[in-house]
Amino acid sequence: MLTLTSIEINAWIAGLLWPLTRILGLVAAAPLFGHASVPNQVKVLLGVLLALIIAPTVPAVPAIDPMSYAGLLILVQELLIGLAMGFAMRLVFAAIEYAGELASNVMGFSFASFFDPTTQGRSAAISQFLSMVATMAFLAVNAHLVLLAALSESFTSLPISSSPISLVAPLELARLGSRIFSAGLQLSLPIIAALLITNVALGILTRAAPQLNIFGIGFPITLGVGMLTLSVALPYLNTPIQNLFNEGIEAGRRIPRAAAERVPAALPPQPVAPIPQ
């Protein structure tokens, strides 16, 4: 007769529950898997399937009751790790959307904004267009599979443990977050430069012919030049966008490694010198 002890049952539950928590954290925050149009049932089912595949390869988990205080702390820690890895990839898409926002403002599309279900807010038309292009490129280069491979590798670089993670991990997200503005400006720079030249030409034309209605012809010209520049520059954005994907995935790999680093011990408090009277 097969008999199971409570320790064995808890070990089986923990061996599936803790990897599932990290996986669900990434699925909830990653740009493609965590999209608002994907039903929650599909996200949970995908996380369970991935957990059933990855759990047998995970190193031995701590022998702790999952429902105990220490087990709940591990659960929260695994959720934070998964969210951080998915959010690192989400920052890449934020940089691309920011490039669309800059291009829309220069082209005169700042008033043409639509509801974005991803951010639950309003975004410009060019921003949503570049976001869809980035999503298609994300699937075309199999970056979603590489992201799942990085998630599987994270269980080796940062095994499930009851010890707290290092505070160095949030710095990786901060460094990648700074790339939103620089990468967004670099992606939108061709459109900004072309429209800058167009506006200078319109200014010279207005000075040469003051009777010309600049407001009547300025907007169609800037809009046409912006769309033409976007159509010409779009094929050349493949390499920069792919480099951003690689940067986001590498940041997702560095987060577990940084979290596994031991935080240096704090220096003992030094005596404070008295203030001279």
Protein backbone atom coordinates (compact mmCIF):
# COMPACT_ATOMS: atom_id res chain seq x y z
CA MET A 1 0.00 0.00 0.00
CA LEU A 2 1.32 3.40 -0.97
CA THR A 3 1.61 5.79 1.94
CA LEU A 4 2.56 9.42 1.74
CA THR A 5 3.69 11.59 4.56
CA SER A 6 2.87 15.26 4.95
CA ILE A 7 6.52 16.13 4.31
CA GLU A 8 6.47 14.41 0.93
CA ILE A 9 3.17 16.06 -0.04
CA ASN A 10 4.50 19.47 0.96
CA ALA A 11 7.67 18.85 -1.05
CA TRP A 12 5.63 17.99 -4.15
CA ILE A 13 3.41 21.03 -3.75
CA ALA A 14 6.40 23.33 -3.18
CA GLY A 15 8.27 21.80 -6.14
CA LEU A 16 5.44 22.89 -8.44
CA LEU A 17 4.04 25.95 -6.69
CA TRP A 18 7.23 27.99 -6.35
CA PRO A 19 8.41 27.57 -9.99
CA LEU A 20 4.83 28.26 -11.10
CA THR A 21 4.85 31.54 -9.18
CA ARG A 22 8.00 32.77 -10.92
CA ILE A 23 6.63 31.71 -14.29
CA LEU A 24 3.28 33.40 -13.72
CA GLY A 25 5.09 36.57 -12.67
CA LEU A 26 6.92 36.68 -16.00
CA VAL A 27 3.77 35.78 -17.96
CA ALA A 28 1.88 38.61 -16.26
CA ALA A 29 4.53 41.26 -16.95
CA ALA A 30 6.04 40.19 -20.30
CA PRO A 31 4.83 42.26 -23.28
CA LEU A 32 3.39 39.45 -25.40
CA PHE A 33 2.20 36.95 -22.80
CA GLY A 34 0.80 39.58 -20.45
CA HIS A 35 -1.16 41.54 -23.05
CA ALA A 36 -4.59 42.68 -21.91
CA SER A 37 -6.25 40.92 -24.85
CA VAL A 38 -5.00 37.52 -23.65
CA PRO A 39 -7.57 35.96 -21.26
CA ASN A 40 -6.42 35.26 -17.74
CA GLN A 41 -7.39 31.61 -18.11
CA VAL A 42 -4.96 31.29 -21.02
CA LYS A 43 -2.18 32.94 -19.00
CA VAL A 44 -2.71 30.60 -16.06
CA LEU A 45 -2.91 27.54 -18.32
CA LEU A 46 0.30 28.57 -20.09
CA GLY A 47 2.02 29.06 -16.74
CA VAL A 48 0.92 25.64 -15.50
CA LEU A 49 2.12 23.94 -18.69
CA LEU A 50 5.48 25.67 -18.46
CA ALA A 51 5.75 24.77 -14.79
CA LEU A 52 5.07 21.10 -15.54
CA ILE A 53 7.91 21.19 -18.10
CA ILE A 54 10.42 23.20 -16.07
CA ALA A 55 9.72 21.87 -12.56
CA PRO A 56 11.49 18.48 -13.07
CA THR A 57 14.69 20.32 -14.05
CA VAL A 58 14.64 22.77 -11.13
CA PRO A 59 17.27 22.16 -8.41
CA ALA A 60 16.08 20.84 -5.09
CA VAL A 61 13.77 23.26 -3.32
CA PRO A 62 14.03 23.96 0.43
CA ALA A 63 12.21 21.54 2.71
CA ILE A 64 9.78 24.18 3.97
CA ASP A 65 6.03 24.02 4.34
CA PRO A 66 4.56 26.15 1.49
CA MET A 67 1.84 27.46 3.80
CA SER A 68 4.22 28.52 6.54
CA TYR A 69 5.55 32.04 7.00
CA ALA A 70 8.89 31.15 5.40
CA GLY A 71 7.09 29.43 2.53
CA LEU A 72 4.96 32.50 1.86
CA LEU A 73 8.07 34.66 1.84
CA ILE A 74 9.61 32.39 -0.81
CA LEU A 75 6.35 32.66 -2.77
CA VAL A 76 6.49 36.46 -2.74
CA GLN A 77 10.18 36.42 -3.63
CA GLU A 78 9.61 34.15 -6.64
CA LEU A 79 6.76 36.38 -7.80
CA LEU A 80 8.99 39.46 -7.63
CA ILE A 81 11.73 37.73 -9.63
CA GLY A 82 9.31 36.73 -12.39
CA LEU A 83 7.77 40.20 -12.50
CA ALA A 84 11.21 41.80 -12.72
CA MET A 85 12.25 39.59 -15.64
CA GLY A 86 9.04 40.28 -17.52
CA PHE A 87 9.17 44.00 -16.73
CA ALA A 88 12.70 44.17 -18.15
CA MET A 89 11.32 43.09 -21.51
CA ARG A 90 8.38 45.44 -21.13
CA LEU A 91 10.79 48.38 -20.85
CA VAL A 92 12.04 47.60 -24.36
CA PHE A 93 8.53 48.02 -25.74
CA ALA A 94 8.15 51.19 -23.69
CA ALA A 95 11.20 52.62 -25.49
CA ILE A 96 9.65 51.80 -28.88
CA GLU A 97 6.33 53.34 -27.85
CA TYR A 98 8.15 56.43 -26.63
CA ALA A 99 9.74 56.74 -30.07
CA GLY A 100 6.25 56.72 -31.54
CA GLU A 101 5.13 59.40 -29.10
CA LEU A 102 8.01 61.67 -30.13
CA ALA A 103 7.34 61.10 -33.82
CA SER A 104 3.61 61.76 -33.36
CA ASN A 105 4.21 65.03 -31.53
CA VAL A 106 6.52 66.30 -34.27
CA MET A 107 4.23 65.17 -37.10
CA GLY A 108 1.17 66.85 -35.59
CA PHE A 109 -0.51 63.64 -34.44
CA SER A 110 -0.48 64.68 -30.80
CA PHE A 111 -4.23 65.24 -30.91
CA ALA A 112 -4.91 61.91 -32.62
CA SER A 113 -4.68 59.55 -29.65
CA PHE A 114 -6.50 56.29 -29.06
CA PHE A 115 -7.17 54.06 -26.08
CA ASP A 116 -4.33 51.61 -25.51
CA PRO A 117 -5.50 48.44 -23.71
CA THR A 118 -1.93 47.57 -22.72
CA THR A 119 -1.29 50.69 -20.66
CA GLN A 120 -4.97 51.39 -19.93
CA GLY A 121 -4.46 54.93 -21.21
CA ARG A 122 -4.33 56.97 -24.38
CA SER A 123 -1.42 56.79 -26.79
CA ALA A 124 -0.65 58.30 -30.17
CA ALA A 125 -1.36 56.58 -33.46
CA ILE A 126 2.30 56.23 -34.47
CA SER A 127 3.08 54.83 -31.02
CA GLN A 128 0.50 52.07 -31.39
CA PHE A 129 1.69 51.36 -34.92
CA LEU A 130 5.30 50.93 -33.80
CA SER A 131 4.12 48.81 -30.88
CA MET A 132 2.36 46.42 -33.27
CA VAL A 133 5.43 46.35 -35.52
CA ALA A 134 7.59 45.55 -32.49
CA THR A 135 5.20 42.75 -31.48
CA MET A 136 5.40 41.21 -34.95
CA ALA A 137 9.20 41.51 -34.89
CA PHE A 138 9.21 39.98 -31.39
CA LEU A 139 7.48 36.90 -32.80
CA ALA A 140 9.45 36.86 -36.06
CA VAL A 141 12.85 36.62 -34.38
CA ASN A 142 11.56 34.07 -31.80
CA ALA A 143 12.39 36.44 -28.96
CA HIS A 144 9.48 35.01 -26.95
CA LEU A 145 11.14 31.58 -27.02
CA VAL A 146 14.48 33.07 -26.00
CA LEU A 147 12.73 34.84 -23.13
CA LEU A 148 11.26 31.53 -21.94
CA ALA A 149 14.72 29.96 -22.23
CA ALA A 150 16.12 32.74 -20.05
CA LEU A 151 13.36 32.03 -17.54
CA SER A 152 14.32 28.37 -17.45
CA GLU A 153 18.00 29.30 -16.98
CA SER A 154 17.08 31.58 -14.07
CA PHE A 155 16.25 28.57 -11.90
CA THR A 156 19.90 27.53 -12.22
CA SER A 157 21.47 30.97 -11.79
CA LEU A 158 19.09 31.79 -8.92
CA PRO A 159 17.76 28.58 -7.33
CA ILE A 160 14.67 28.69 -5.17
CA SER A 161 15.89 29.47 -1.68
CA SER A 162 14.67 30.89 1.58
CA SER A 163 17.55 33.38 1.75
CA PRO A 164 16.55 36.92 0.73
CA ILE A 165 17.54 38.19 -2.67
CA SER A 166 20.16 40.87 -3.08
CA LEU A 167 19.22 44.52 -3.47
CA VAL A 168 21.47 44.76 -6.52
CA ALA A 169 18.71 43.34 -8.76
CA PRO A 170 16.57 46.52 -8.84
CA LEU A 171 19.59 48.43 -10.14
CA GLU A 172 19.48 46.34 -13.32
CA LEU A 173 15.92 47.52 -13.96
CA ALA A 174 16.96 51.11 -13.24
CA ARG A 175 19.82 50.88 -15.75
CA LEU A 176 17.52 49.43 -18.40
CA GLY A 177 14.85 52.01 -17.61
CA SER A 178 17.27 54.76 -18.52
CA ARG A 179 17.41 53.29 -22.02
CA ILE A 180 13.77 54.21 -22.65
CA PHE A 181 14.57 57.82 -23.42
CA SER A 182 17.84 57.31 -25.28
CA ALA A 183 16.59 54.41 -27.40
CA GLY A 184 13.28 56.14 -28.09
CA LEU A 185 15.07 59.27 -29.27
CA GLN A 186 17.42 57.25 -31.47
CA LEU A 187 14.54 55.38 -33.13
CA SER A 188 12.55 58.56 -33.81
CA LEU A 189 15.57 60.65 -34.85
CA PRO A 190 15.10 60.19 -38.66
CA ILE A 191 11.54 61.51 -38.49
CA ILE A 192 12.50 64.36 -36.16
CA ALA A 193 15.41 65.39 -38.41
CA ALA A 194 13.31 65.26 -41.58
CA LEU A 195 10.51 67.32 -40.02
CA LEU A 196 13.01 69.80 -38.61
CA ILE A 197 14.31 70.45 -42.12
CA THR A 198 10.70 70.69 -43.35
CA ASN A 199 9.76 73.24 -40.70
CA VAL A 200 12.85 75.31 -41.51
CA ALA A 201 11.90 75.24 -45.19
CA LEU A 202 8.34 76.28 -44.37
CA GLY A 203 9.65 79.12 -42.23
CA ILE A 204 11.82 80.40 -45.08
CA LEU A 205 8.86 80.04 -47.45
CA THR A 206 6.66 82.05 -45.12
CA ARG A 207 9.22 84.84 -44.92
CA ALA A 208 9.57 84.86 -48.70
CA ALA A 209 5.80 84.88 -49.32
CA PRO A 210 3.98 86.39 -46.30
CA GLN A 211 0.61 86.11 -48.03
CA LEU A 212 0.96 82.31 -48.04
CA ASN A 213 -1.34 80.59 -45.55
CA ILE A 214 1.18 78.51 -43.59
CA PHE A 215 -1.50 76.97 -41.41
CA GLY A 216 -3.34 75.71 -44.47
CA ILE A 217 -0.39 73.97 -46.11
CA GLY A 218 1.94 73.38 -43.15
CA PHE A 219 0.04 70.52 -41.54
CA PRO A 220 -0.47 68.43 -44.73
CA ILE A 221 3.18 68.90 -45.68
CA THR A 222 4.58 67.92 -42.28
CA LEU A 223 2.18 64.98 -42.09
CA GLY A 224 3.13 63.77 -45.56
CA VAL A 225 6.86 64.17 -44.95
CA GLY A 226 6.55 62.35 -41.62
CA MET A 227 4.66 59.40 -43.12
CA LEU A 228 7.09 59.24 -46.05
CA THR A 229 10.09 59.28 -43.72
CA LEU A 230 8.51 56.60 -41.53
CA SER A 231 7.87 54.34 -44.52
CA VAL A 232 11.46 54.79 -45.74
CA ALA A 233 13.04 54.32 -42.29
CA LEU A 234 10.86 51.38 -41.19
CA PRO A 235 12.90 48.64 -42.96
CA TYR A 236 16.08 49.98 -41.34
CA LEU A 237 14.58 49.73 -37.83
CA ASN A 238 14.90 45.95 -37.87
CA THR A 239 18.44 45.89 -36.51
CA PRO A 240 17.95 48.51 -33.75
CA ILE A 241 14.75 46.85 -32.54
CA GLN A 242 16.41 43.42 -32.53
CA ASN A 243 19.32 44.87 -30.56
CA LEU A 244 16.82 46.24 -28.04
CA PHE A 245 15.26 42.79 -27.73
CA ASN A 246 18.66 41.28 -27.06
CA GLU A 247 19.37 43.97 -24.49
CA GLY A 248 16.08 43.30 -22.71
CA ILE A 249 16.63 39.54 -22.64
CA GLU A 250 20.19 39.96 -21.36
CA ALA A 251 18.87 42.27 -18.64
CA GLY A 252 16.35 39.56 -17.75
CA ARG A 253 19.23 37.10 -17.44
CA ARG A 254 21.27 39.49 -15.30
CA ILE A 255 18.46 40.10 -12.82
CA PRO A 256 18.56 36.57 -11.27
CA ARG A 257 22.36 36.66 -11.24
CA ALA A 258 22.34 40.03 -9.51
CA ALA A 259 19.70 38.81 -7.07
CA ALA A 260 21.91 35.84 -6.19
CA GLU A 261 24.84 38.07 -5.22
CA ARG A 262 25.50 38.37 -1.55
CA VAL A 263 24.89 41.81 -0.15
CA PRO A 264 28.05 43.09 1.57
CA ALA A 265 27.77 43.40 5.28
CA ALA A 266 27.05 46.86 6.59
CA LEU A 267 29.92 48.74 8.14
CA PRO A 268 29.77 49.17 11.91
CA PRO A 269 28.53 52.57 13.02
CA GLN A 270 31.31 55.07 13.42
CA PRO A 271 31.42 57.45 16.37
CA VAL A 272 30.25 60.92 15.49
CA ALA A 273 32.76 63.67 16.27
CA PRO A 274 31.37 66.40 18.50
CA ILE A 275 30.63 69.69 16.86
CA PRO A 276 33.19 72.28 17.97
CA GLN A 277 31.72 75.08 20.01
